[in-house]
Protein backbone atom coordinates (compact mmCIF):
# COMPACT_ATOMS: atom_id res chain seq x y z
CA UNK A 1 11.37 -79.46 -8.38
CA UNK A 2 12.14 -80.22 -4.75
CA UNK A 3 8.48 -81.04 -4.03
CA UNK A 4 8.42 -83.76 -6.69
CA UNK A 5 11.60 -85.36 -5.36
CA UNK A 6 10.23 -85.33 -1.80
CA UNK A 7 6.91 -86.77 -2.97
CA UNK A 8 8.63 -89.62 -4.83
CA UNK A 9 10.70 -90.35 -1.73
CA UNK A 10 7.43 -90.31 0.23
CA UNK A 11 6.02 -93.06 -2.03
CA UNK A 12 9.18 -95.09 -1.46
CA UNK A 13 8.84 -94.68 2.32
CA UNK A 14 5.19 -95.70 2.09
CA UNK A 15 6.01 -98.81 0.04
CA UNK A 16 8.34 -99.90 2.83
CA UNK A 17 5.54 -99.59 5.41
CA UNK A 18 2.75 -101.99 4.34
CA UNK A 19 0.97 -101.69 7.69
CA UNK A 20 0.38 -97.98 7.05
CA UNK A 21 -1.22 -98.86 3.70
CA UNK A 22 -3.46 -101.48 5.32
CA UNK A 23 -4.58 -99.03 8.01
CA UNK A 24 -5.24 -96.38 5.36
CA UNK A 25 -7.56 -98.78 3.47
CA UNK A 26 -9.28 -99.70 6.75
CA UNK A 27 -9.77 -96.02 7.51
CA UNK A 28 -11.31 -95.35 4.08
CA UNK A 29 -13.66 -98.33 4.43
CA UNK A 30 -14.71 -97.28 7.92
CA UNK A 31 -15.22 -93.71 6.71
CA UNK A 32 -17.50 -94.83 3.88
CA UNK A 33 -19.62 -96.85 6.33
CA UNK A 34 -19.84 -93.87 8.70
CA UNK A 35 -20.79 -91.57 5.81
CA UNK A 36 -23.54 -93.92 4.63
CA UNK A 37 -25.25 -93.99 8.04
CA UNK A 38 -27.38 -90.85 8.48
CA UNK A 39 -26.33 -88.71 11.43
CA UNK A 40 -22.80 -90.12 11.68
CA UNK A 41 -20.48 -87.46 10.26
CA UNK A 42 -16.81 -87.53 9.32
CA UNK A 43 -16.11 -85.37 12.37
CA UNK A 44 -17.65 -87.97 14.66
CA UNK A 45 -15.73 -90.79 12.98
CA UNK A 46 -12.37 -89.01 13.28
CA UNK A 47 -13.06 -88.10 16.93
CA UNK A 48 -13.97 -91.70 17.81
CA UNK A 49 -10.90 -93.09 16.04
CA UNK A 50 -8.42 -90.61 17.54
CA UNK A 51 -7.78 -92.48 20.85
CA UNK A 52 -6.99 -95.70 18.92
CA UNK A 53 -4.07 -93.99 17.15
CA UNK A 54 -2.19 -93.19 20.39
CA UNK A 55 0.19 -96.13 20.08
CA UNK A 56 0.68 -95.95 16.32
CA UNK A 57 3.57 -94.37 14.47
CA UNK A 58 2.77 -90.90 12.99
CA UNK A 59 2.33 -92.07 9.38
CA UNK A 60 -0.04 -94.96 10.22
CA UNK A 61 -2.11 -92.94 12.69
CA UNK A 62 -2.53 -89.84 10.52
CA UNK A 63 -3.29 -91.87 7.37
CA UNK A 64 -5.97 -93.91 9.12
CA UNK A 65 -7.61 -90.71 10.36
CA UNK A 66 -7.28 -89.17 6.87
CA UNK A 67 -8.93 -92.26 5.38
CA UNK A 68 -11.92 -91.88 7.70
CA UNK A 69 -12.10 -88.17 6.81
CA UNK A 70 -12.04 -88.75 3.04
CA UNK A 71 -14.33 -91.79 3.12
CA UNK A 72 -16.83 -90.06 5.41
CA UNK A 73 -17.22 -87.08 3.06
CA UNK A 74 -17.77 -89.39 0.08
CA UNK A 75 -19.93 -92.02 1.80
CA UNK A 76 -22.85 -89.68 2.38
CA UNK A 77 -23.47 -89.51 -1.37
CA UNK A 78 -24.43 -93.20 -1.60
CA UNK A 79 -27.62 -93.01 0.45
CA UNK A 80 -28.27 -89.51 -0.91
CA UNK A 81 -28.43 -90.95 -4.44
CA UNK A 82 -30.19 -94.21 -3.62
CA UNK A 83 -32.69 -93.10 -0.99
CA UNK A 84 -32.53 -89.27 -0.88
CA UNK A 85 -31.01 -89.57 2.59
CA UNK A 86 -27.86 -87.43 2.83
CA UNK A 87 -25.54 -89.46 5.05
CA UNK A 88 -23.57 -86.27 5.76
CA UNK A 89 -24.40 -82.54 5.41
CA UNK A 90 -22.05 -82.38 2.40
CA UNK A 91 -24.34 -84.78 0.51
CA UNK A 92 -27.47 -82.64 0.87
CA UNK A 93 -26.80 -80.96 -2.49
CA UNK A 94 -26.06 -84.32 -4.16
CA UNK A 95 -29.46 -85.67 -3.09
CA UNK A 96 -31.35 -83.21 -5.29
CA UNK A 97 -30.23 -84.63 -8.64
CA UNK A 98 -28.79 -87.96 -7.48
CA UNK A 99 -32.13 -89.31 -6.27
CA UNK A 100 -33.85 -88.00 -9.41
CA UNK A 101 -31.37 -90.03 -11.48
CA UNK A 102 -32.19 -93.13 -9.42
CA UNK A 103 -35.89 -92.59 -10.16
CA UNK A 104 -34.98 -92.45 -13.85
CA UNK A 105 -33.24 -95.84 -13.61
CA UNK A 106 -29.72 -94.36 -13.75
CA UNK A 107 -28.64 -95.11 -10.17
CA UNK A 108 -25.51 -96.98 -11.27
CA UNK A 109 -24.20 -94.16 -13.46
CA UNK A 110 -24.99 -91.61 -10.73
CA UNK A 111 -23.13 -93.65 -8.09
CA UNK A 112 -20.17 -94.26 -10.39
CA UNK A 113 -19.98 -90.59 -11.33
CA UNK A 114 -20.09 -89.60 -7.66
CA UNK A 115 -17.27 -92.03 -6.80
CA UNK A 116 -14.99 -91.00 -9.67
CA UNK A 117 -15.69 -87.29 -9.15
CA UNK A 118 -14.94 -87.63 -5.43
CA UNK A 119 -11.63 -89.33 -6.18
CA UNK A 120 -10.59 -86.75 -8.81
CA UNK A 121 -11.62 -83.79 -6.64
CA UNK A 122 -9.82 -85.14 -3.60
CA UNK A 123 -6.67 -86.01 -5.57
CA UNK A 124 -6.54 -82.52 -7.09
CA UNK A 125 -6.89 -80.98 -3.64
CA UNK A 126 -3.93 -82.99 -2.30
CA UNK A 127 -1.76 -81.89 -5.24
CA UNK A 128 -2.84 -78.30 -4.57
CA UNK A 129 -1.88 -78.85 -0.93
CA UNK A 130 1.55 -80.09 -2.01
CA UNK A 131 2.49 -77.45 -4.57
CA UNK A 132 0.49 -74.33 -3.68
CA UNK A 133 0.48 -74.41 0.12
CA UNK A 134 2.34 -71.13 0.77
CA UNK A 135 0.38 -69.15 -1.85
CA UNK A 136 -3.09 -70.39 -0.86
CA UNK A 137 -2.29 -70.01 2.83
CA UNK A 138 -1.52 -66.34 2.16
CA UNK A 139 -4.92 -65.92 0.51
CA UNK A 140 -6.59 -67.54 3.52
CA UNK A 141 -4.94 -65.00 5.83
CA UNK A 142 -6.75 -62.20 3.96
CA UNK A 143 -10.11 -63.54 5.15
CA UNK A 144 -11.26 -61.72 8.25
CA UNK A 145 -14.81 -61.42 9.60
CA UNK A 146 -15.86 -59.11 6.73
CA UNK A 147 -14.75 -61.53 4.01
CA UNK A 148 -16.31 -64.49 5.80
CA UNK A 149 -19.62 -62.59 5.99
CA UNK A 150 -19.47 -61.87 2.25
CA UNK A 151 -18.77 -65.55 1.57
CA UNK A 152 -21.82 -66.52 3.65
CA UNK A 153 -23.98 -64.02 1.74
CA UNK A 154 -22.75 -65.52 -1.51
CA UNK A 155 -23.73 -68.94 -0.15
CA UNK A 156 -27.20 -67.68 0.73
CA UNK A 157 -27.65 -66.26 -2.78
CA UNK A 158 -27.42 -69.83 -4.09
CA UNK A 159 -30.96 -70.34 -2.73
CA UNK A 160 -32.25 -69.07 -6.08
CA UNK A 161 -30.48 -71.94 -7.82
CA UNK A 162 -31.81 -74.71 -5.57
CA UNK A 163 -35.40 -73.47 -5.38
CA UNK A 164 -36.77 -75.76 -8.07
CA UNK A 165 -39.75 -74.66 -10.14
CA UNK A 166 -41.02 -71.90 -7.85
CA UNK A 167 -38.55 -69.18 -6.92
CA UNK A 168 -41.00 -67.65 -4.43
CA UNK A 169 -41.44 -70.94 -2.56
CA UNK A 170 -37.66 -71.41 -2.50
CA UNK A 171 -37.15 -67.94 -1.01
CA UNK A 172 -39.86 -68.61 1.59
CA UNK A 173 -38.16 -71.89 2.55
CA UNK A 174 -34.80 -70.09 2.79
CA UNK A 175 -36.32 -67.39 4.99
CA UNK A 176 -37.73 -70.07 7.31
CA UNK A 177 -34.27 -71.62 7.48
CA UNK A 178 -32.75 -68.26 8.43
CA UNK A 179 -35.32 -67.84 11.20
CA UNK A 180 -34.47 -71.31 12.54
CA UNK A 181 -30.75 -70.47 12.44
CA UNK A 182 -31.32 -67.68 15.00
CA UNK A 183 -32.40 -70.24 17.62
CA UNK A 184 -29.69 -70.88 20.22
CA UNK A 185 -27.02 -68.84 21.96
CA UNK A 186 -26.35 -65.33 20.74
CA UNK A 187 -22.95 -65.49 18.96
CA UNK A 188 -21.67 -62.29 20.58
CA UNK A 189 -23.45 -61.87 23.93
CA UNK A 190 -23.94 -65.58 24.69
CA UNK A 191 -27.53 -65.36 25.96
CA UNK A 192 -30.17 -67.87 24.76
CA UNK A 193 -32.61 -66.85 22.01
CA UNK A 194 -35.96 -68.46 21.15
CA UNK A 195 -35.11 -71.64 23.06
CA UNK A 196 -38.34 -71.83 25.06
CA UNK A 197 -36.28 -72.77 28.11
CA UNK A 198 -34.87 -75.93 26.47
CA UNK A 199 -31.12 -76.21 26.96
CA UNK A 200 -31.03 -78.68 24.06
CA UNK A 201 -31.76 -75.74 21.74
CA UNK A 202 -28.68 -73.75 22.78
CA UNK A 203 -27.17 -75.06 19.56
CA UNK A 204 -29.41 -75.54 16.53
CA UNK A 205 -29.71 -79.34 16.06
CA UNK A 206 -28.76 -79.15 12.38
CA UNK A 207 -28.28 -82.87 11.72
CA UNK A 208 -31.73 -83.91 13.08
CA UNK A 209 -33.33 -81.15 11.01
CA UNK A 210 -31.53 -82.33 7.86
CA UNK A 211 -32.43 -85.98 8.51
CA UNK A 212 -36.04 -85.01 9.08
CA UNK A 213 -36.33 -82.86 5.94
CA UNK A 214 -34.70 -85.33 3.56
CA UNK A 215 -35.07 -88.81 5.02
CA UNK A 216 -38.01 -88.95 7.45
CA UNK A 217 -40.26 -86.93 5.14
CA UNK A 218 -39.51 -89.37 2.31
CA UNK A 219 -40.32 -92.32 4.59
CA UNK A 220 -43.62 -90.71 5.65
CA UNK A 221 -44.46 -90.09 2.00
CA UNK A 222 -43.71 -93.72 1.14
CA UNK A 223 -45.78 -95.02 4.06
CA UNK A 224 -48.71 -92.91 2.89
CA UNK A 225 -48.69 -94.36 -0.61
CA UNK A 226 -50.66 -97.42 -1.57
CA UNK A 227 -48.63 -100.61 -1.45
CA UNK A 228 -48.48 -102.29 -4.85
CA UNK A 229 -48.28 -106.00 -5.16
CA UNK A 230 -45.17 -105.87 -7.32
CA UNK A 231 -42.59 -103.42 -6.18
CA UNK A 232 -40.66 -101.49 -8.83
CA UNK A 233 -37.19 -102.98 -9.03
CA UNK A 234 -34.39 -100.48 -9.62
CA UNK A 235 -31.72 -101.87 -11.93
CA UNK A 236 -28.27 -100.53 -11.09
CA UNK A 237 -26.83 -101.52 -14.44
CA UNK A 238 -23.60 -99.92 -15.55
CA UNK A 239 -21.64 -98.11 -12.83
CA UNK A 240 -18.69 -96.53 -14.64
CA UNK A 241 -20.06 -93.90 -17.06
CA UNK A 242 -19.05 -94.32 -20.73
CA UNK A 243 -16.30 -92.04 -22.01
CA UNK A 244 -18.76 -90.16 -24.24
CA UNK A 245 -20.69 -89.16 -21.11
CA UNK A 246 -17.74 -88.63 -18.77
CA UNK A 247 -15.95 -86.40 -21.28
CA UNK A 248 -18.73 -83.84 -20.87
CA UNK A 249 -18.22 -83.85 -17.08
CA UNK A 250 -14.46 -83.20 -17.00
CA UNK A 251 -14.64 -79.40 -17.16
CA UNK A 252 -17.33 -79.36 -14.45
CA UNK A 253 -15.23 -81.61 -12.19
CA UNK A 254 -12.09 -79.49 -12.64
CA UNK A 255 -13.93 -76.21 -12.01
CA UNK A 256 -15.75 -77.61 -8.97
CA UNK A 257 -12.50 -79.02 -7.58
CA UNK A 258 -10.86 -75.60 -7.76
CA UNK A 259 -13.85 -74.02 -6.02
CA UNK A 260 -13.78 -76.70 -3.33
CA UNK A 261 -10.13 -76.05 -2.54
CA UNK A 262 -10.73 -72.30 -2.28
CA UNK A 263 -13.75 -72.77 0.00
CA UNK A 264 -11.83 -75.31 2.09
CA UNK A 265 -8.92 -72.99 2.93
CA UNK A 266 -11.32 -70.42 4.40
CA UNK A 267 -11.66 -71.11 8.15
CA UNK A 268 -15.26 -71.89 9.09
CA UNK A 269 -16.31 -73.07 5.65
CA UNK A 270 -16.55 -76.79 4.96
CA UNK A 271 -17.55 -79.50 2.50
CA UNK A 272 -21.28 -78.75 2.84
CA UNK A 273 -20.76 -75.14 1.72
CA UNK A 274 -18.35 -76.24 -1.02
CA UNK A 275 -20.89 -78.69 -2.47
CA UNK A 276 -23.64 -76.05 -2.70
CA UNK A 277 -21.25 -73.48 -4.22
CA UNK A 278 -20.07 -76.05 -6.80
CA UNK A 279 -23.69 -76.94 -7.60
CA UNK A 280 -24.56 -73.29 -8.19
CA UNK A 281 -21.57 -72.65 -10.45
CA UNK A 282 -22.21 -75.83 -12.45
CA UNK A 283 -25.78 -74.66 -13.04
CA UNK A 284 -24.58 -71.17 -13.98
CA UNK A 285 -22.16 -72.51 -16.62
CA UNK A 286 -24.55 -75.17 -17.92
CA UNK A 287 -26.19 -74.83 -21.35
CA UNK A 288 -29.30 -76.49 -19.88
CA UNK A 289 -29.73 -75.06 -16.35
CA UNK A 290 -33.39 -76.05 -16.38
CA UNK A 291 -32.34 -79.72 -16.06
CA UNK A 292 -30.80 -79.16 -12.63
CA UNK A 293 -32.97 -80.59 -9.88
CA UNK A 294 -34.52 -83.07 -12.32
CA UNK A 295 -31.65 -85.55 -12.61
CA UNK A 296 -28.60 -83.81 -14.06
CA UNK A 297 -25.38 -85.84 -13.98
CA UNK A 298 -23.25 -82.68 -14.00
CA UNK A 299 -24.86 -81.66 -10.71
CA UNK A 300 -23.75 -84.91 -9.05
CA UNK A 301 -20.23 -84.55 -10.44
CA UNK A 302 -20.01 -80.91 -9.30
CA UNK A 303 -21.27 -81.54 -5.77
CA UNK A 304 -19.03 -84.53 -5.09
CA UNK A 305 -15.85 -83.11 -6.63
CA UNK A 306 -16.46 -79.82 -4.80
CA UNK A 307 -17.10 -81.49 -1.45
CA UNK A 308 -14.12 -83.85 -1.64
CA UNK A 309 -11.69 -81.24 -2.97
CA UNK A 310 -12.55 -79.30 0.17
CA UNK A 311 -10.64 -81.91 2.19
CA UNK A 312 -7.25 -80.80 0.91
CA UNK A 313 -8.30 -77.18 1.29
CA UNK A 314 -9.24 -77.82 4.92
CA UNK A 315 -5.86 -79.43 5.59
CA UNK A 316 -3.90 -76.59 4.00
CA UNK A 317 -4.28 -73.86 6.66
CA UNK A 318 -4.06 -76.50 9.40
CA UNK A 319 -0.70 -77.83 8.20
CA UNK A 320 0.88 -74.56 7.02
CA UNK A 321 -0.46 -72.12 9.63
CA UNK A 322 -1.75 -74.29 12.46
CA UNK A 323 -5.28 -72.96 11.83
CA UNK A 324 -7.91 -75.74 11.47
CA UNK A 325 -10.36 -75.08 8.66
CA UNK A 326 -13.23 -77.02 10.26
CA UNK A 327 -14.09 -79.44 13.08
CA UNK A 328 -12.43 -82.44 11.40
CA UNK A 329 -9.10 -80.68 10.89
CA UNK A 330 -9.30 -79.40 14.47
CA UNK A 331 -9.30 -83.03 15.61
CA UNK A 332 -6.49 -83.83 13.16
CA UNK A 333 -4.53 -80.88 14.56
CA UNK A 334 -4.72 -82.59 17.93
CA UNK A 335 -3.61 -85.88 16.35
CA UNK A 336 -0.51 -84.24 14.85
CA UNK A 337 0.34 -82.53 18.13
CA UNK A 338 -0.14 -85.82 19.93
CA UNK A 339 2.43 -87.38 17.59
CA UNK A 340 4.96 -84.68 18.46
CA UNK A 341 4.43 -82.65 15.27
CA UNK A 342 3.64 -78.95 15.59
CA UNK A 343 1.65 -77.72 12.55
CA UNK A 344 2.93 -74.47 11.05
CA UNK A 345 5.63 -73.20 8.69
CA UNK A 346 8.38 -75.06 10.58
CA UNK A 347 6.60 -78.39 10.01
CA UNK A 348 7.67 -78.38 6.34
CA UNK A 349 11.20 -77.30 7.24
CA UNK A 350 11.92 -79.65 10.15
CA UNK A 351 9.90 -82.73 9.09
CA UNK A 352 9.76 -82.50 5.29
CA UNK A 353 10.28 -86.27 4.61
CA UNK A 354 7.52 -87.21 7.05
CA UNK A 355 5.12 -84.57 5.68
CA UNK A 356 5.59 -85.70 2.08
CA UNK A 357 5.19 -89.33 3.12
CA UNK A 358 1.81 -88.28 4.55
CA UNK A 359 0.97 -86.52 1.28
CA UNK A 360 1.83 -89.68 -0.67
CA UNK A 361 -0.36 -91.65 1.74
CA UNK A 362 -3.26 -89.25 1.24
CA UNK A 363 -3.04 -89.77 -2.52
CA UNK A 364 -3.10 -93.52 -1.83
CA UNK A 365 -6.22 -93.01 0.35
CA UNK A 366 -8.08 -91.54 -2.61
CA UNK A 367 -6.96 -94.42 -4.83
CA UNK A 368 -8.27 -96.80 -2.15
CA UNK A 369 -11.52 -94.81 -2.04
CA UNK A 370 -11.96 -95.29 -5.79
CA UNK A 371 -11.38 -99.06 -5.60
CA UNK A 372 -13.37 -99.72 -2.41
CA UNK A 373 -16.16 -97.36 -3.47
CA UNK A 374 -16.72 -98.82 -6.94
CA UNK A 375 -16.59 -102.41 -5.64
CA UNK A 376 -19.06 -101.79 -2.80
CA UNK A 377 -21.77 -99.97 -4.75
CA UNK A 378 -23.65 -103.04 -5.96
CA UNK A 379 -23.69 -104.48 -2.44
CA UNK A 380 -24.99 -101.23 -0.95
CA UNK A 381 -27.57 -100.83 -3.70
CA UNK A 382 -29.27 -104.08 -2.62
CA UNK A 383 -31.36 -101.99 -0.22
CA UNK A 384 -33.39 -100.85 -3.23
CA UNK A 385 -34.61 -104.41 -3.78
CA UNK A 386 -36.43 -104.44 -0.44
CA UNK A 387 -40.21 -104.09 -0.55
CA UNK A 388 -41.43 -100.63 0.35
CA UNK A 389 -43.28 -102.06 3.36
CA UNK A 390 -39.88 -103.10 4.77
CA UNK A 391 -37.71 -100.29 3.42
CA UNK A 392 -39.78 -97.37 4.75
CA UNK A 393 -39.80 -98.52 8.41
CA UNK A 394 -36.09 -99.33 8.07
CA UNK A 395 -35.39 -95.79 6.85
CA UNK A 396 -37.35 -94.39 9.81
CA UNK A 397 -35.38 -96.60 12.18
CA UNK A 398 -32.10 -95.33 10.70
CA UNK A 399 -33.40 -91.77 11.06
CA UNK A 400 -34.11 -92.33 14.76
CA UNK A 401 -30.71 -93.93 15.35
CA UNK A 402 -28.90 -91.20 13.41
CA UNK A 403 -30.67 -88.37 15.25
CA UNK A 404 -30.13 -89.99 18.66
CA UNK A 405 -26.46 -90.84 18.06
CA UNK A 406 -25.32 -87.21 17.85
CA UNK A 407 -26.03 -86.14 21.43
CA UNK A 408 -27.64 -89.31 22.87
CA UNK A 409 -30.79 -87.22 23.16
CA UNK A 410 -34.41 -88.21 22.58
CA UNK A 411 -35.09 -84.49 22.24
CA UNK A 412 -33.19 -84.57 18.94
CA UNK A 413 -35.28 -87.55 17.85
CA UNK A 414 -38.45 -85.56 18.57
CA UNK A 415 -37.14 -82.64 16.50
CA UNK A 416 -36.29 -84.99 13.65
CA UNK A 417 -39.79 -86.50 13.62
CA UNK A 418 -41.47 -83.08 13.86
CA UNK A 419 -39.35 -81.73 11.02
CA UNK A 420 -40.07 -84.91 9.04
CA UNK A 421 -43.81 -84.20 9.27
CA UNK A 422 -43.20 -80.61 8.16
CA UNK A 423 -41.01 -81.89 5.32
CA UNK A 424 -43.79 -84.27 4.27
CA UNK A 425 -46.20 -81.35 3.82
CA UNK A 426 -43.46 -79.30 2.13
CA UNK A 427 -43.18 -82.06 -0.47
CA UNK A 428 -46.94 -82.16 -0.91
CA UNK A 429 -47.09 -78.39 -1.45
CA UNK A 430 -43.89 -78.29 -3.57
CA UNK A 431 -41.69 -76.33 -1.15
CA UNK A 432 -38.03 -77.36 -1.68
CA UNK A 433 -36.12 -78.51 1.44
CA UNK A 434 -32.65 -77.57 0.18
CA UNK A 435 -33.00 -73.79 0.83
CA UNK A 436 -33.85 -74.54 4.48
CA UNK A 437 -30.69 -76.63 4.91
CA UNK A 438 -28.57 -74.05 3.07
CA UNK A 439 -29.88 -71.23 5.28
CA UNK A 440 -29.22 -73.28 8.42
CA UNK A 441 -25.60 -73.73 7.31
CA UNK A 442 -24.97 -70.16 6.18
CA UNK A 443 -27.17 -68.22 8.62
CA UNK A 444 -25.06 -68.54 11.81
CA UNK A 445 -21.88 -67.96 9.80
CA UNK A 446 -23.30 -64.78 8.22
CA UNK A 447 -24.67 -63.38 11.49
CA UNK A 448 -21.60 -63.96 13.65
CA UNK A 449 -19.18 -62.71 10.97
CA UNK A 450 -21.25 -59.59 10.25
CA UNK A 451 -21.51 -58.65 13.91
CA UNK A 452 -17.78 -59.22 14.45
CA UNK A 453 -16.93 -57.10 11.41
CA UNK A 454 -19.28 -54.36 12.62
CA UNK A 455 -17.64 -54.43 16.03
CA UNK A 456 -14.14 -54.23 14.52
CA UNK A 457 -15.15 -51.23 12.39
CA UNK A 458 -16.65 -49.40 15.43
CA UNK A 459 -20.18 -49.59 14.05
CA UNK A 460 -19.30 -48.39 10.55
CA UNK A 461 -20.60 -50.25 7.49
CA UNK A 462 -17.73 -49.14 5.27
CA UNK A 463 -16.17 -52.62 5.40
CA UNK A 464 -18.86 -53.69 2.90
CA UNK A 465 -17.29 -51.66 0.08
CA UNK A 466 -13.77 -50.66 1.16
CA UNK A 467 -12.36 -54.22 1.35
CA UNK A 468 -11.85 -55.58 -2.20
CA UNK A 469 -12.52 -59.27 -1.46
CA UNK A 470 -15.67 -58.43 0.52
CA UNK A 471 -17.02 -56.08 -2.17
CA UNK A 472 -16.22 -58.59 -4.92
CA UNK A 473 -17.99 -61.46 -3.16
CA UNK A 474 -21.05 -59.31 -2.41
CA UNK A 475 -21.20 -58.25 -6.06
CA UNK A 476 -21.02 -61.89 -7.20
CA UNK A 477 -23.78 -62.72 -4.67
CA UNK A 478 -25.98 -59.97 -6.12
CA UNK A 479 -25.48 -61.30 -9.66
CA UNK A 480 -26.16 -64.86 -8.47
CA UNK A 481 -29.36 -63.72 -6.77
CA UNK A 482 -30.71 -61.71 -9.70
CA UNK A 483 -29.63 -63.87 -12.65
CA UNK A 484 -32.27 -66.63 -12.19
CA UNK A 485 -34.94 -63.95 -11.67
CA UNK A 486 -33.99 -62.22 -14.93
CA UNK A 487 -33.87 -65.55 -16.78
CA UNK A 488 -37.35 -66.50 -15.59
CA UNK A 489 -38.73 -63.07 -16.43
CA UNK A 490 -37.18 -63.26 -19.91
CA UNK A 491 -38.66 -66.73 -20.44
CA UNK A 492 -42.09 -65.45 -19.35
CA UNK A 493 -42.14 -62.57 -21.89
CA UNK A 494 -44.42 -63.58 -24.81
CA UNK A 495 -42.81 -63.67 -28.22
CA UNK A 496 -43.45 -60.87 -30.74
CA UNK A 497 -46.31 -62.10 -32.99
CA UNK A 498 -44.62 -60.45 -36.00
CA UNK A 499 -41.27 -62.17 -35.46
CA UNK A 500 -40.22 -64.93 -37.91
CA UNK A 501 -40.10 -67.47 -35.04
CA UNK A 502 -43.68 -66.68 -34.04
CA UNK A 503 -44.87 -66.86 -37.67
CA UNK A 504 -43.17 -70.24 -38.09
CA UNK A 505 -44.80 -71.49 -34.89
CA UNK A 506 -48.19 -70.46 -36.19
């Protein structure tokens, strides 16, 4: 195949450019550090790095930016697993089971699984980008406002899967998140809603809310507990999971990687949505769905492979059609243009050797992520050995820095602290925070897409059932919403006293 020959030539070109490889490793390392720090997202890292690539050759500049992108998506999982602090929005789903595994003394296996799953998911997405670009780009073109609305509804239906023990409390938390997502500028008319006159609320401060719900609330909870004389020491132990364990994760990783690529090619969707979708599907296919939320390794593998496979999906419409899939690829679109490369169908025709050299470099970035990630986990896990009296204030300080760094605004810090207090009481009363975050992600996307679709159809609702992709996604959302309810109702039905099982129990 021509693609294979071009890819092999790309590896040869890359081997003759050691500086590009060094910059790629630097980009991955910097991305992991950015991902670990709460509030610093991959988008911010790529945007900050962009001016420094002006004088570089195209391969070195794009690979360094790609390294920051890939490392930033993965890095958020480290603090999510160790401290229940999602470094990035994509790691919010990972925090649910990752932190539970740390509490069980399996932090090393959870971190190793997250690293390997991230590498596999990202590598698969790059191969999909190489070989299936024209086909998947055609699918992406079928997504208009109606299909994007249906995708958002499907995302919202996942609330039933991340609600924990109480479905009612999960739905209440999701409803609160939807209400919060309406704060800001109206997506169609542009007038402010529920802002109380604060211009800072024109856009919902999503990152401060997420930091408050997951990180600050955990710090407040820790500060409120009695300090013991001997702190519990978490042993990292083995990092790479044994083959007997990893073998059971392979199917989950492959399925989640495919989902991540599909979500990534849809403009407006990103790694955060992909991780929640992958989590839901892993739970749906699991033989023990009741273990999810309590420390299930498959959940970590699904979230990280789904989130990182979204990277290649995001790049696909940007490189083949010139349509950025999210904020990061929008910045990368500017980087390509700055280097004299115009993304679109002609990019593969006019600059095929350069493009496949970039693809080879992206595969190298994920190899570097695997090596750097696995070798840095023990160093990063040292934070767990700090006494709680030191660790809790340090977490709060990181929360303040992360919330302030986004917009250089103390208003965001105030929101983070207020939400942290609310999150503290949510923990005490067993209300899950994940549905709030999920609704904040999906709510604006669902509202704006629905209103655009309604406008395009002249006020008619027929787009809900006349467009096959829209109808199919809405049907899947309905099944996803009702399936956990039916399972819980079935589990609550008392057994027939005359049945053999009941007689044996007696």
